Amino acid sequence: MIEDPARRGQRSLFVELLDWMLAPMLLIWPLGAALTFWIAQGLATQPYDAALAEAARRLAGQLAQGRSAADLTAEARSWLQAEDSEVISFQVLGRRGELLAGESRLSVPSDGRRNP
């Protein structure tokens, strides 16, 4: 069978669609996956951040009322600990950086932030 020279230069509709769709999809798919991961990570950590912020507010309120740091340890653990099997480490520092409660072996955040 002799091949038609006019058809030799034509590409099938499937190949044309594949060319037009495959390149953008190869770019959009990884970007979509990364964006989805970033959003999901933020949504997953939000409740934990809120719970830790509430525990920090409670601790600050107790210290502002003049409670001693020794009294805070058991109460702070109960605020921070959701389950008995969890191991919780925390550190409460005073305005001058002195340890008020918790473990001294923990390091200060790398950016050196301290809440007033």
PDB file of N, CA and C in Angstrom:
ATOM      1  N   MET A   1       0.833  -1.164   0.000  1.00  0.00           N
ATOM      2  CA  MET A   1       0.000   0.000   0.000  1.00  0.00           C
ATOM      3  C   MET A   1       0.888   1.240   0.000  1.00  0.00           C
ATOM      4  N   ILE A   2       0.522   2.175  -0.807  1.00  0.00           N
ATOM      5  CA  ILE A   2       1.300   3.399  -0.950  1.00  0.00           C
ATOM      6  C   ILE A   2       0.757   4.438   0.023  1.00  0.00           C
ATOM      7  N   GLU A   3       1.694   5.088   0.732  1.00  0.00           N
ATOM      8  CA  GLU A   3       1.302   6.076   1.740  1.00  0.00           C
ATOM      9  C   GLU A   3       1.075   7.426   1.081  1.00  0.00           C
ATOM     10  N   ASP A   4       0.032   8.093   1.495  1.00  0.00           N
ATOM     11  CA  ASP A   4      -0.317   9.403   0.953  1.00  0.00           C
ATOM     12  C   ASP A   4       0.668  10.438   1.495  1.00  0.00           C
ATOM     13  N   PRO A   5       1.377  11.201   0.647  1.00  0.00           N
ATOM     14  CA  PRO A   5       2.352  12.187   1.125  1.00  0.00           C
ATOM     15  C   PRO A   5       1.719  13.301   1.931  1.00  0.00           C
ATOM     16  N   ALA A   6       0.458  13.620   1.711  1.00  0.00           N
ATOM     17  CA  ALA A   6      -0.204  14.686   2.471  1.00  0.00           C
ATOM     18  C   ALA A   6      -0.436  14.242   3.910  1.00  0.00           C
ATOM     19  N   ARG A   7      -0.693  12.945   4.110  1.00  0.00           N
ATOM     20  CA  ARG A   7      -0.939  12.435   5.465  1.00  0.00           C
ATOM     21  C   ARG A   7       0.350  12.269   6.262  1.00  0.00           C
ATOM     22  N   ARG A   8       1.466  12.122   5.602  1.00  0.00           N
ATOM     23  CA  ARG A   8       2.735  11.886   6.282  1.00  0.00           C
ATOM     24  C   ARG A   8       3.085  13.045   7.221  1.00  0.00           C
ATOM     25  N   GLY A   9       2.782  14.286   6.866  1.00  0.00           N
ATOM     26  CA  GLY A   9       3.102  15.455   7.676  1.00  0.00           C
ATOM     27  C   GLY A   9       2.060  15.745   8.747  1.00  0.00           C
ATOM     28  N   GLN A  10       0.915  15.088   8.690  1.00  0.00           N
ATOM     29  CA  GLN A  10      -0.136  15.327   9.675  1.00  0.00           C
ATOM     30  C   GLN A  10       0.074  14.444  10.889  1.00  0.00           C
ATOM     31  N   ARG A  11      -0.270  15.025  12.044  1.00  0.00           N
ATOM     32  CA  ARG A  11      -0.202  14.231  13.280  1.00  0.00           C
ATOM     33  C   ARG A  11      -1.623  13.949  13.734  1.00  0.00           C
ATOM     34  N   SER A  12      -1.794  12.889  14.437  1.00  0.00           N
ATOM     35  CA  SER A  12      -3.137  12.535  14.889  1.00  0.00           C
ATOM     36  C   SER A  12      -3.627  13.534  15.934  1.00  0.00           C
ATOM     37  N   LEU A  13      -4.914  13.592  16.104  1.00  0.00           N
ATOM     38  CA  LEU A  13      -5.522  14.483  17.083  1.00  0.00           C
ATOM     39  C   LEU A  13      -5.051  14.120  18.493  1.00  0.00           C
ATOM     40  N   PHE A  14      -4.912  12.834  18.760  1.00  0.00           N
ATOM     41  CA  PHE A  14      -4.439  12.383  20.063  1.00  0.00           C
ATOM     42  C   PHE A  14      -3.043  12.922  20.371  1.00  0.00           C
ATOM     43  N   VAL A  15      -2.150  12.844  19.412  1.00  0.00           N
ATOM     44  CA  VAL A  15      -0.788  13.333  19.606  1.00  0.00           C
ATOM     45  C   VAL A  15      -0.786  14.843  19.807  1.00  0.00           C
ATOM     46  N   GLU A  16      -1.615  15.557  19.049  1.00  0.00           N
ATOM     47  CA  GLU A  16      -1.701  17.009  19.206  1.00  0.00           C
ATOM     48  C   GLU A  16      -2.201  17.372  20.604  1.00  0.00           C
ATOM     49  N   LEU A  17      -3.267  16.710  21.058  1.00  0.00           N
ATOM     50  CA  LEU A  17      -3.795  16.971  22.404  1.00  0.00           C
ATOM     51  C   LEU A  17      -2.777  16.615  23.479  1.00  0.00           C
ATOM     52  N   LEU A  18      -2.077  15.530  23.275  1.00  0.00           N
ATOM     53  CA  LEU A  18      -1.057  15.119  24.231  1.00  0.00           C
ATOM     54  C   LEU A  18       0.036  16.170  24.337  1.00  0.00           C
ATOM     55  N   ASP A  19       0.460  16.714  23.214  1.00  0.00           N
ATOM     56  CA  ASP A  19       1.473  17.776  23.227  1.00  0.00           C
ATOM     57  C   ASP A  19       0.990  19.010  23.976  1.00  0.00           C
ATOM     58  N   TRP A  20      -0.257  19.400  23.722  1.00  0.00           N
ATOM     59  CA  TRP A  20      -0.789  20.613  24.337  1.00  0.00           C
ATOM     60  C   TRP A  20      -1.085  20.434  25.829  1.00  0.00           C
ATOM     61  N   MET A  21      -1.400  19.235  26.253  1.00  0.00           N
ATOM     62  CA  MET A  21      -1.809  19.008  27.646  1.00  0.00           C
ATOM     63  C   MET A  21      -0.700  18.466  28.533  1.00  0.00           C
ATOM     64  N   LEU A  22       0.196  17.689  27.985  1.00  0.00           N
ATOM     65  CA  LEU A  22       1.193  17.018  28.811  1.00  0.00           C
ATOM     66  C   LEU A  22       2.197  17.992  29.429  1.00  0.00           C
ATOM     67  N   ALA A  23       2.703  18.911  28.647  1.00  0.00           N
ATOM     68  CA  ALA A  23       3.699  19.850  29.180  1.00  0.00           C
ATOM     69  C   ALA A  23       3.135  20.708  30.309  1.00  0.00           C
ATOM     70  N   PRO A  24       1.959  21.333  30.143  1.00  0.00           N
ATOM     71  CA  PRO A  24       1.422  22.104  31.277  1.00  0.00           C
ATOM     72  C   PRO A  24       1.106  21.233  32.493  1.00  0.00           C
ATOM     73  N   MET A  25       0.612  20.017  32.250  1.00  0.00           N
ATOM     74  CA  MET A  25       0.298  19.140  33.382  1.00  0.00           C
ATOM     75  C   MET A  25       1.548  18.733  34.146  1.00  0.00           C
ATOM     76  N   LEU A  26       2.641  18.528  33.444  1.00  0.00           N
ATOM     77  CA  LEU A  26       3.887  18.176  34.123  1.00  0.00           C
ATOM     78  C   LEU A  26       4.401  19.324  34.978  1.00  0.00           C
ATOM     79  N   LEU A  27       4.026  20.541  34.668  1.00  0.00           N
ATOM     80  CA  LEU A  27       4.404  21.705  35.462  1.00  0.00           C
ATOM     81  C   LEU A  27       3.396  21.964  36.580  1.00  0.00           C
ATOM     82  N   ILE A  28       2.116  21.880  36.254  1.00  0.00           N
ATOM     83  CA  ILE A  28       1.065  22.211  37.225  1.00  0.00           C
ATOM     84  C   ILE A  28       0.927  21.150  38.315  1.00  0.00           C
ATOM     85  N   TRP A  29       1.056  19.877  37.981  1.00  0.00           N
ATOM     86  CA  TRP A  29       0.858  18.815  38.961  1.00  0.00           C
ATOM     87  C   TRP A  29       1.814  18.931  40.152  1.00  0.00           C
ATOM     88  N   PRO A  30       3.136  19.072  39.975  1.00  0.00           N
ATOM     89  CA  PRO A  30       4.009  19.205  41.145  1.00  0.00           C
ATOM     90  C   PRO A  30       3.730  20.484  41.947  1.00  0.00           C
ATOM     91  N   LEU A  31       3.401  21.568  41.253  1.00  0.00           N
ATOM     92  CA  LEU A  31       3.076  22.801  41.973  1.00  0.00           C
ATOM     93  C   LEU A  31       1.806  22.625  42.797  1.00  0.00           C
ATOM     94  N   GLY A  32       0.823  21.965  42.233  1.00  0.00           N
ATOM     95  CA  GLY A  32      -0.419  21.696  42.965  1.00  0.00           C
ATOM     96  C   GLY A  32      -0.187  20.795  44.164  1.00  0.00           C
ATOM     97  N   ALA A  33       0.636  19.792  43.986  1.00  0.00           N
ATOM     98  CA  ALA A  33       0.944  18.890  45.096  1.00  0.00           C
ATOM     99  C   ALA A  33       1.684  19.622  46.211  1.00  0.00           C
ATOM    100  N   ALA A  34       2.628  20.465  45.854  1.00  0.00           N
ATOM    101  CA  ALA A  34       3.375  21.229  46.863  1.00  0.00           C
ATOM    102  C   ALA A  34       2.462  22.207  47.588  1.00  0.00           C
ATOM    103  N   LEU A  35       1.592  22.880  46.869  1.00  0.00           N
ATOM    104  CA  LEU A  35       0.663  23.828  47.478  1.00  0.00           C
ATOM    105  C   LEU A  35      -0.319  23.112  48.406  1.00  0.00           C
ATOM    106  N   THR A  36      -0.820  21.976  47.982  1.00  0.00           N
ATOM    107  CA  THR A  36      -1.721  21.188  48.818  1.00  0.00           C
ATOM    108  C   THR A  36      -1.029  20.740  50.101  1.00  0.00           C
ATOM    109  N   PHE A  37       0.215  20.289  49.998  1.00  0.00           N
ATOM    110  CA  PHE A  37       0.970  19.882  51.179  1.00  0.00           C
ATOM    111  C   PHE A  37       1.159  21.052  52.133  1.00  0.00           C
ATOM    112  N   TRP A  38       1.513  22.213  51.604  1.00  0.00           N
ATOM    113  CA  TRP A  38       1.759  23.394  52.430  1.00  0.00           C
ATOM    114  C   TRP A  38       0.484  23.815  53.171  1.00  0.00           C
ATOM    115  N   ILE A  39      -0.647  23.820  52.476  1.00  0.00           N
ATOM    116  CA  ILE A  39      -1.912  24.193  53.105  1.00  0.00           C
ATOM    117  C   ILE A  39      -2.318  23.162  54.151  1.00  0.00           C
ATOM    118  N   ALA A  40      -2.193  21.884  53.827  1.00  0.00           N
ATOM    119  CA  ALA A  40      -2.550  20.825  54.776  1.00  0.00           C
ATOM    120  C   ALA A  40      -1.660  20.870  56.014  1.00  0.00           C
ATOM    121  N   GLN A  41      -0.393  21.152  55.836  1.00  0.00           N
ATOM    122  CA  GLN A  41       0.536  21.248  56.968  1.00  0.00           C
ATOM    123  C   GLN A  41       0.112  22.383  57.897  1.00  0.00           C
ATOM    124  N   GLY A  42      -0.269  23.511  57.320  1.00  0.00           N
ATOM    125  CA  GLY A  42      -0.727  24.639  58.126  1.00  0.00           C
ATOM    126  C   GLY A  42      -2.005  24.323  58.885  1.00  0.00           C
ATOM    127  N   LEU A  43      -2.952  23.668  58.217  1.00  0.00           N
ATOM    128  CA  LEU A  43      -4.203  23.302  58.878  1.00  0.00           C
ATOM    129  C   LEU A  43      -3.991  22.265  59.972  1.00  0.00           C
ATOM    130  N   ALA A  44      -3.043  21.358  59.769  1.00  0.00           N
ATOM    131  CA  ALA A  44      -2.794  20.313  60.758  1.00  0.00           C
ATOM    132  C   ALA A  44      -2.101  20.855  62.004  1.00  0.00           C
ATOM    133  N   THR A  45      -1.243  21.853  61.845  1.00  0.00           N
ATOM    134  CA  THR A  45      -0.501  22.364  63.005  1.00  0.00           C
ATOM    135  C   THR A  45      -1.237  23.468  63.750  1.00  0.00           C
ATOM    136  N   GLN A  46      -2.259  24.054  63.138  1.00  0.00           N
ATOM    137  CA  GLN A  46      -2.985  25.153  63.761  1.00  0.00           C
ATOM    138  C   GLN A  46      -3.570  24.777  65.131  1.00  0.00           C
ATOM    139  N   PRO A  47      -4.254  23.648  65.305  1.00  0.00           N
ATOM    140  CA  PRO A  47      -4.797  23.318  66.626  1.00  0.00           C
ATOM    141  C   PRO A  47      -3.713  23.140  67.691  1.00  0.00           C
ATOM    142  N   TYR A  48      -2.582  22.546  67.314  1.00  0.00           N
ATOM    143  CA  TYR A  48      -1.498  22.364  68.275  1.00  0.00           C
ATOM    144  C   TYR A  48      -0.903  23.707  68.698  1.00  0.00           C
ATOM    145  N   ASP A  49      -0.732  24.594  67.729  1.00  0.00           N
ATOM    146  CA  ASP A  49      -0.219  25.922  68.042  1.00  0.00           C
ATOM    147  C   ASP A  49      -1.168  26.674  68.964  1.00  0.00           C
ATOM    148  N   ALA A  50      -2.471  26.562  68.702  1.00  0.00           N
ATOM    149  CA  ALA A  50      -3.462  27.236  69.535  1.00  0.00           C
ATOM    150  C   ALA A  50      -3.450  26.670  70.952  1.00  0.00           C
ATOM    151  N   ALA A  51      -3.327  25.352  71.079  1.00  0.00           N
ATOM    152  CA  ALA A  51      -3.288  24.728  72.409  1.00  0.00           C
ATOM    153  C   ALA A  51      -2.038  25.153  73.177  1.00  0.00           C
ATOM    154  N   LEU A  52      -0.904  25.214  72.500  1.00  0.00           N
ATOM    155  CA  LEU A  52       0.324  25.650  73.170  1.00  0.00           C
ATOM    156  C   LEU A  52       0.254  27.119  73.562  1.00  0.00           C
ATOM    157  N   ALA A  53      -0.342  27.938  72.710  1.00  0.00           N
ATOM    158  CA  ALA A  53      -0.493  29.360  73.041  1.00  0.00           C
ATOM    159  C   ALA A  53      -1.394  29.538  74.253  1.00  0.00           C
ATOM    160  N   GLU A  54      -2.457  28.757  74.339  1.00  0.00           N
ATOM    161  CA  GLU A  54      -3.348  28.831  75.503  1.00  0.00           C
ATOM    162  C   GLU A  54      -2.624  28.386  76.776  1.00  0.00           C
ATOM    163  N   ALA A  55      -1.840  27.329  76.686  1.00  0.00           N
ATOM    164  CA  ALA A  55      -1.068  26.876  77.845  1.00  0.00           C
ATOM    165  C   ALA A  55      -0.067  27.946  78.278  1.00  0.00           C
ATOM    166  N   ALA A  56       0.567  28.605  77.321  1.00  0.00           N
ATOM    167  CA  ALA A  56       1.518  29.678  77.645  1.00  0.00           C
ATOM    168  C   ALA A  56       0.801  30.846  78.312  1.00  0.00           C
ATOM    169  N   ARG A  57      -0.399  31.192  77.840  1.00  0.00           N
ATOM    170  CA  ARG A  57      -1.171  32.270  78.479  1.00  0.00           C
ATOM    171  C   ARG A  57      -1.537  31.908  79.912  1.00  0.00           C
ATOM    172  N   ARG A  58      -1.915  30.652  80.126  1.00  0.00           N
ATOM    173  CA  ARG A  58      -2.253  30.214  81.495  1.00  0.00           C
ATOM    174  C   ARG A  58      -1.033  30.294  82.407  1.00  0.00           C
ATOM    175  N   LEU A  59       0.096  29.821  81.902  1.00  0.00           N
ATOM    176  CA  LEU A  59       1.320  29.880  82.710  1.00  0.00           C
ATOM    177  C   LEU A  59       1.690  31.323  83.032  1.00  0.00           C
ATOM    178  N   ALA A  60       1.597  32.196  82.036  1.00  0.00           N
ATOM    179  CA  ALA A  60       1.921  33.604  82.259  1.00  0.00           C
ATOM    180  C   ALA A  60       0.970  34.213  83.278  1.00  0.00           C
ATOM    181  N   GLY A  61      -0.305  33.846  83.212  1.00  0.00           N
ATOM    182  CA  GLY A  61      -1.281  34.349  84.190  1.00  0.00           C
ATOM    183  C   GLY A  61      -0.966  33.886  85.596  1.00  0.00           C
ATOM    184  N   GLN A  62      -0.555  32.631  85.724  1.00  0.00           N
ATOM    185  CA  GLN A  62      -0.197  32.103  87.048  1.00  0.00           C
ATOM    186  C   GLN A  62       1.030  32.819  87.606  1.00  0.00           C
ATOM    187  N   LEU A  63       2.012  33.058  86.752  1.00  0.00           N
ATOM    188  CA  LEU A  63       3.214  33.765  87.205  1.00  0.00           C
ATOM    189  C   LEU A  63       2.894  35.209  87.557  1.00  0.00           C
ATOM    190  N   ALA A  64       2.002  35.825  86.801  1.00  0.00           N
ATOM    191  CA  ALA A  64       1.626  37.213  87.080  1.00  0.00           C
ATOM    192  C   ALA A  64       0.899  37.328  88.412  1.00  0.00           C
ATOM    193  N   GLN A  65       0.222  36.267  88.837  1.00  0.00           N
ATOM    194  CA  GLN A  65      -0.487  36.268  90.117  1.00  0.00           C
ATOM    195  C   GLN A  65       0.443  35.961  91.288  1.00  0.00           C
ATOM    196  N   GLY A  66       1.706  35.727  90.989  1.00  0.00           N
ATOM    197  CA  GLY A  66       2.684  35.508  92.049  1.00  0.00           C
ATOM    198  C   GLY A  66       2.866  34.069  92.469  1.00  0.00           C
ATOM    199  N   ARG A  67       2.366  33.121  91.700  1.00  0.00           N
ATOM    200  CA  ARG A  67       2.572  31.713  92.037  1.00  0.00           C
ATOM    201  C   ARG A  67       4.046  31.380  91.900  1.00  0.00           C
ATOM    202  N   SER A  68       4.541  30.502  92.743  1.00  0.00           N
ATOM    203  CA  SER A  68       5.950  30.125  92.649  1.00  0.00           C
ATOM    204  C   SER A  68       6.153  29.162  91.489  1.00  0.00           C
ATOM    205  N   ALA A  69       7.345  29.158  90.959  1.00  0.00           N
ATOM    206  CA  ALA A  69       7.667  28.295  89.823  1.00  0.00           C
ATOM    207  C   ALA A  69       7.553  26.824  90.196  1.00  0.00           C
ATOM    208  N   ALA A  70       7.832  26.470  91.433  1.00  0.00           N
ATOM    209  CA  ALA A  70       7.736  25.074  91.865  1.00  0.00           C
ATOM    210  C   ALA A  70       6.300  24.575  91.781  1.00  0.00           C
ATOM    211  N   ASP A  71       5.337  25.445  92.069  1.00  0.00           N
ATOM    212  CA  ASP A  71       3.929  25.045  91.986  1.00  0.00           C
ATOM    213  C   ASP A  71       3.469  24.873  90.547  1.00  0.00           C
ATOM    214  N   LEU A  72       4.147  25.525  89.641  1.00  0.00           N
ATOM    215  CA  LEU A  72       3.716  25.489  88.248  1.00  0.00           C
ATOM    216  C   LEU A  72       3.999  24.166  87.552  1.00  0.00           C
ATOM    217  N   THR A  73       5.026  23.469  87.974  1.00  0.00           N
ATOM    218  CA  THR A  73       5.472  22.308  87.214  1.00  0.00           C
ATOM    219  C   THR A  73       4.369  21.272  87.021  1.00  0.00           C
ATOM    220  N   ALA A  74       3.713  20.822  88.077  1.00  0.00           N
ATOM    221  CA  ALA A  74       2.669  19.797  87.949  1.00  0.00           C
ATOM    222  C   ALA A  74       1.464  20.347  87.181  1.00  0.00           C
ATOM    223  N   GLU A  75       1.088  21.572  87.480  1.00  0.00           N
ATOM    224  CA  GLU A  75      -0.062  22.169  86.808  1.00  0.00           C
ATOM    225  C   GLU A  75       0.228  22.407  85.328  1.00  0.00           C
ATOM    226  N   ALA A  76       1.444  22.870  85.035  1.00  0.00           N
ATOM    227  CA  ALA A  76       1.824  23.112  83.644  1.00  0.00           C
ATOM    228  C   ALA A  76       1.820  21.814  82.858  1.00  0.00           C
ATOM    229  N   ARG A  77       2.322  20.753  83.443  1.00  0.00           N
ATOM    230  CA  ARG A  77       2.313  19.465  82.749  1.00  0.00           C
ATOM    231  C   ARG A  77       0.880  19.023  82.448  1.00  0.00           C
ATOM    232  N   SER A  78      -0.039  19.263  83.377  1.00  0.00           N
ATOM    233  CA  SER A  78      -1.427  18.861  83.133  1.00  0.00           C
ATOM    234  C   SER A  78      -2.038  19.678  82.003  1.00  0.00           C
ATOM    235  N   TRP A  79      -1.659  20.944  81.854  1.00  0.00           N
ATOM    236  CA  TRP A  79      -2.177  21.769  80.767  1.00  0.00           C
ATOM    237  C   TRP A  79      -1.587  21.349  79.418  1.00  0.00           C
ATOM    238  N   LEU A  80      -0.332  20.971  79.422  1.00  0.00           N
ATOM    239  CA  LEU A  80       0.357  20.649  78.180  1.00  0.00           C
ATOM    240  C   LEU A  80       0.150  19.211  77.728  1.00  0.00           C
ATOM    241  N   GLN A  81      -0.116  18.327  78.652  1.00  0.00           N
ATOM    242  CA  GLN A  81      -0.147  16.897  78.353  1.00  0.00           C
ATOM    243  C   GLN A  81      -1.557  16.442  78.007  1.00  0.00           C
ATOM    244  N   ALA A  82      -1.739  15.913  76.816  1.00  0.00           N
ATOM    245  CA  ALA A  82      -3.051  15.430  76.389  1.00  0.00           C
ATOM    246  C   ALA A  82      -3.274  13.978  76.813  1.00  0.00           C
ATOM    247  N   GLU A  83      -2.223  13.181  76.828  1.00  0.00           N
ATOM    248  CA  GLU A  83      -2.341  11.771  77.191  1.00  0.00           C
ATOM    249  C   GLU A  83      -1.264  11.427  78.216  1.00  0.00           C
ATOM    250  N   ASP A  84      -1.526  10.401  79.029  1.00  0.00           N
ATOM    251  CA  ASP A  84      -0.554   9.989  80.039  1.00  0.00           C
ATOM    252  C   ASP A  84       0.721   9.426  79.435  1.00  0.00           C
ATOM    253  N   SER A  85       0.634   8.892  78.227  1.00  0.00           N
ATOM    254  CA  SER A  85       1.805   8.283  77.597  1.00  0.00           C
ATOM    255  C   SER A  85       2.735   9.318  76.964  1.00  0.00           C
ATOM    256  N   GLU A  86       2.299  10.573  76.851  1.00  0.00           N
ATOM    257  CA  GLU A  86       3.129  11.600  76.234  1.00  0.00           C
ATOM    258  C   GLU A  86       4.240  12.041  77.179  1.00  0.00           C
ATOM    259  N   VAL A  87       5.376  12.347  76.594  1.00  0.00           N
ATOM    260  CA  VAL A  87       6.488  12.917  77.343  1.00  0.00           C
ATOM    261  C   VAL A  87       6.553  14.394  76.969  1.00  0.00           C
ATOM    262  N   ILE A  88       6.354  15.255  77.946  1.00  0.00           N
ATOM    263  CA  ILE A  88       6.305  16.691  77.702  1.00  0.00           C
ATOM    264  C   ILE A  88       7.535  17.348  78.303  1.00  0.00           C
ATOM    265  N   SER A  89       8.177  18.179  77.523  1.00  0.00           N
ATOM    266  CA  SER A  89       9.292  18.978  78.002  1.00  0.00           C
ATOM    267  C   SER A  89       8.937  20.439  77.784  1.00  0.00           C
ATOM    268  N   PHE A  90       9.142  21.262  78.787  1.00  0.00           N
ATOM    269  CA  PHE A  90       8.853  22.680  78.645  1.00  0.00           C
ATOM    270  C   PHE A  90       9.842  23.476  79.479  1.00  0.00           C
ATOM    271  N   GLN A  91       9.839  24.757  79.227  1.00  0.00           N
ATOM    272  CA  GLN A  91      10.752  25.657  79.926  1.00  0.00           C
ATOM    273  C   GLN A  91      10.066  27.018  80.039  1.00  0.00           C
ATOM    274  N   VAL A  92      10.030  27.540  81.256  1.00  0.00           N
ATOM    275  CA  VAL A  92       9.492  28.874  81.495  1.00  0.00           C
ATOM    276  C   VAL A  92      10.652  29.737  81.964  1.00  0.00           C
ATOM    277  N   LEU A  93      10.911  30.799  81.184  1.00  0.00           N
ATOM    278  CA  LEU A  93      12.012  31.705  81.516  1.00  0.00           C
ATOM    279  C   LEU A  93      11.460  33.031  82.009  1.00  0.00           C
ATOM    280  N   GLY A  94      12.186  33.645  82.946  1.00  0.00           N
ATOM    281  CA  GLY A  94      11.818  34.966  83.428  1.00  0.00           C
ATOM    282  C   GLY A  94      12.267  36.041  82.456  1.00  0.00           C
ATOM    283  N   ARG A  95      11.960  37.273  82.785  1.00  0.00           N
ATOM    284  CA  ARG A  95      12.298  38.398  81.894  1.00  0.00           C
ATOM    285  C   ARG A  95      13.799  38.516  81.661  1.00  0.00           C
ATOM    286  N   ARG A  96      14.603  38.152  82.615  1.00  0.00           N
ATOM    287  CA  ARG A  96      16.059  38.249  82.472  1.00  0.00           C
ATOM    288  C   ARG A  96      16.682  36.937  81.985  1.00  0.00           C
ATOM    289  N   GLY A  97      15.831  35.996  81.566  1.00  0.00           N
ATOM    290  CA  GLY A  97      16.324  34.741  81.036  1.00  0.00           C
ATOM    291  C   GLY A  97      16.549  33.663  82.077  1.00  0.00           C
ATOM    292  N   GLU A  98      16.173  33.910  83.328  1.00  0.00           N
ATOM    293  CA  GLU A  98      16.358  32.896  84.375  1.00  0.00           C
ATOM    294  C   GLU A  98      15.270  31.825  84.263  1.00  0.00           C
ATOM    295  N   LEU A  99      15.640  30.602  84.612  1.00  0.00           N
ATOM    296  CA  LEU A  99      14.717  29.474  84.536  1.00  0.00           C
ATOM    297  C   LEU A  99      13.730  29.559  85.693  1.00  0.00           C
ATOM    298  N   LEU A 100      12.434  29.608  85.374  1.00  0.00           N
ATOM    299  CA  LEU A 100      11.408  29.651  86.411  1.00  0.00           C
ATOM    300  C   LEU A 100      10.796  28.276  86.638  1.00  0.00           C
ATOM    301  N   ALA A 101      10.615  27.516  85.575  1.00  0.00           N
ATOM    302  CA  ALA A 101      10.040  26.177  85.683  1.00  0.00           C
ATOM    303  C   ALA A 101      10.426  25.377  84.449  1.00  0.00           C
ATOM    304  N   GLY A 102      10.362  24.069  84.583  1.00  0.00           N
ATOM    305  CA  GLY A 102      10.653  23.199  83.454  1.00  0.00           C
ATOM    306  C   GLY A 102      12.082  22.704  83.442  1.00  0.00           C
ATOM    307  N   GLU A 103      12.533  22.282  82.270  1.00  0.00           N
ATOM    308  CA  GLU A 103      13.856  21.683  82.114  1.00  0.00           C
ATOM    309  C   GLU A 103      14.878  22.712  81.651  1.00  0.00           C
ATOM    310  N   SER A 104      16.008  22.720  82.313  1.00  0.00           N
ATOM    311  CA  SER A 104      17.067  23.668  81.951  1.00  0.00           C
ATOM    312  C   SER A 104      17.822  23.238  80.694  1.00  0.00           C
ATOM    313  N   ARG A 105      17.718  21.965  80.309  1.00  0.00           N
ATOM    314  CA  ARG A 105      18.474  21.467  79.158  1.00  0.00           C
ATOM    315  C   ARG A 105      17.901  21.918  77.816  1.00  0.00           C
ATOM    316  N   LEU A 106      16.708  22.459  77.808  1.00  0.00           N
ATOM    317  CA  LEU A 106      16.108  22.922  76.559  1.00  0.00           C
ATOM    318  C   LEU A 106      16.768  24.219  76.122  1.00  0.00           C
ATOM    319  N   SER A 107      16.856  24.405  74.813  1.00  0.00           N
ATOM    320  CA  SER A 107      17.506  25.609  74.301  1.00  0.00           C
ATOM    321  C   SER A 107      16.472  26.693  74.017  1.00  0.00           C
ATOM    322  N   VAL A 108      16.936  27.923  74.010  1.00  0.00           N
ATOM    323  CA  VAL A 108      16.098  29.068  73.667  1.00  0.00           C
ATOM    324  C   VAL A 108      15.902  29.046  72.157  1.00  0.00           C
ATOM    325  N   PRO A 109      14.731  29.458  71.636  1.00  0.00           N
ATOM    326  CA  PRO A 109      14.536  29.479  70.184  1.00  0.00           C
ATOM    327  C   PRO A 109      15.667  30.217  69.480  1.00  0.00           C
ATOM    328  N   SER A 110      16.016  29.753  68.290  1.00  0.00           N
ATOM    329  CA  SER A 110      17.169  30.275  67.575  1.00  0.00           C
ATOM    330  C   SER A 110      17.046  31.745  67.229  1.00  0.00           C
ATOM    331  N   ASP A 111      15.810  32.256  67.057  1.00  0.00           N
ATOM    332  CA  ASP A 111      15.696  33.663  66.719  1.00  0.00           C
ATOM    333  C   ASP A 111      15.750  34.552  67.949  1.00  0.00           C
ATOM    334  N   GLY A 112      15.852  33.940  69.131  1.00  0.00           N
ATOM    335  CA  GLY A 112      16.029  34.704  70.371  1.00  0.00           C
ATOM    336  C   GLY A 112      14.794  35.441  70.816  1.00  0.00           C
ATOM    337  N   ARG A 113      13.627  35.103  70.260  1.00  0.00           N
ATOM    338  CA  ARG A 113      12.399  35.806  70.627  1.00  0.00           C
ATOM    339  C   ARG A 113      12.023  35.499  72.061  1.00  0.00           C
ATOM    340  N   ARG A 114      11.572  36.495  72.706  1.00  0.00           N
ATOM    341  CA  ARG A 114      11.029  36.367  74.061  1.00  0.00           C
ATOM    342  C   ARG A 114       9.743  37.171  74.101  1.00  0.00           C
ATOM    343  N   ASN A 115       8.686  36.567  74.578  1.00  0.00           N
ATOM    344  CA  ASN A 115       7.433  37.300  74.697  1.00  0.00           C
ATOM    345  C   ASN A 115       7.458  38.107  75.983  1.00  0.00           C
ATOM    346  N   PRO A 116       7.010  39.358  75.954  1.00  0.00           N
ATOM    347  CA  PRO A 116       7.018  40.182  77.160  1.00  0.00           C
ATOM    348  C   PRO A 116       5.996  39.733  78.162  1.00  0.00           C
TER     349      PRO A 116
END
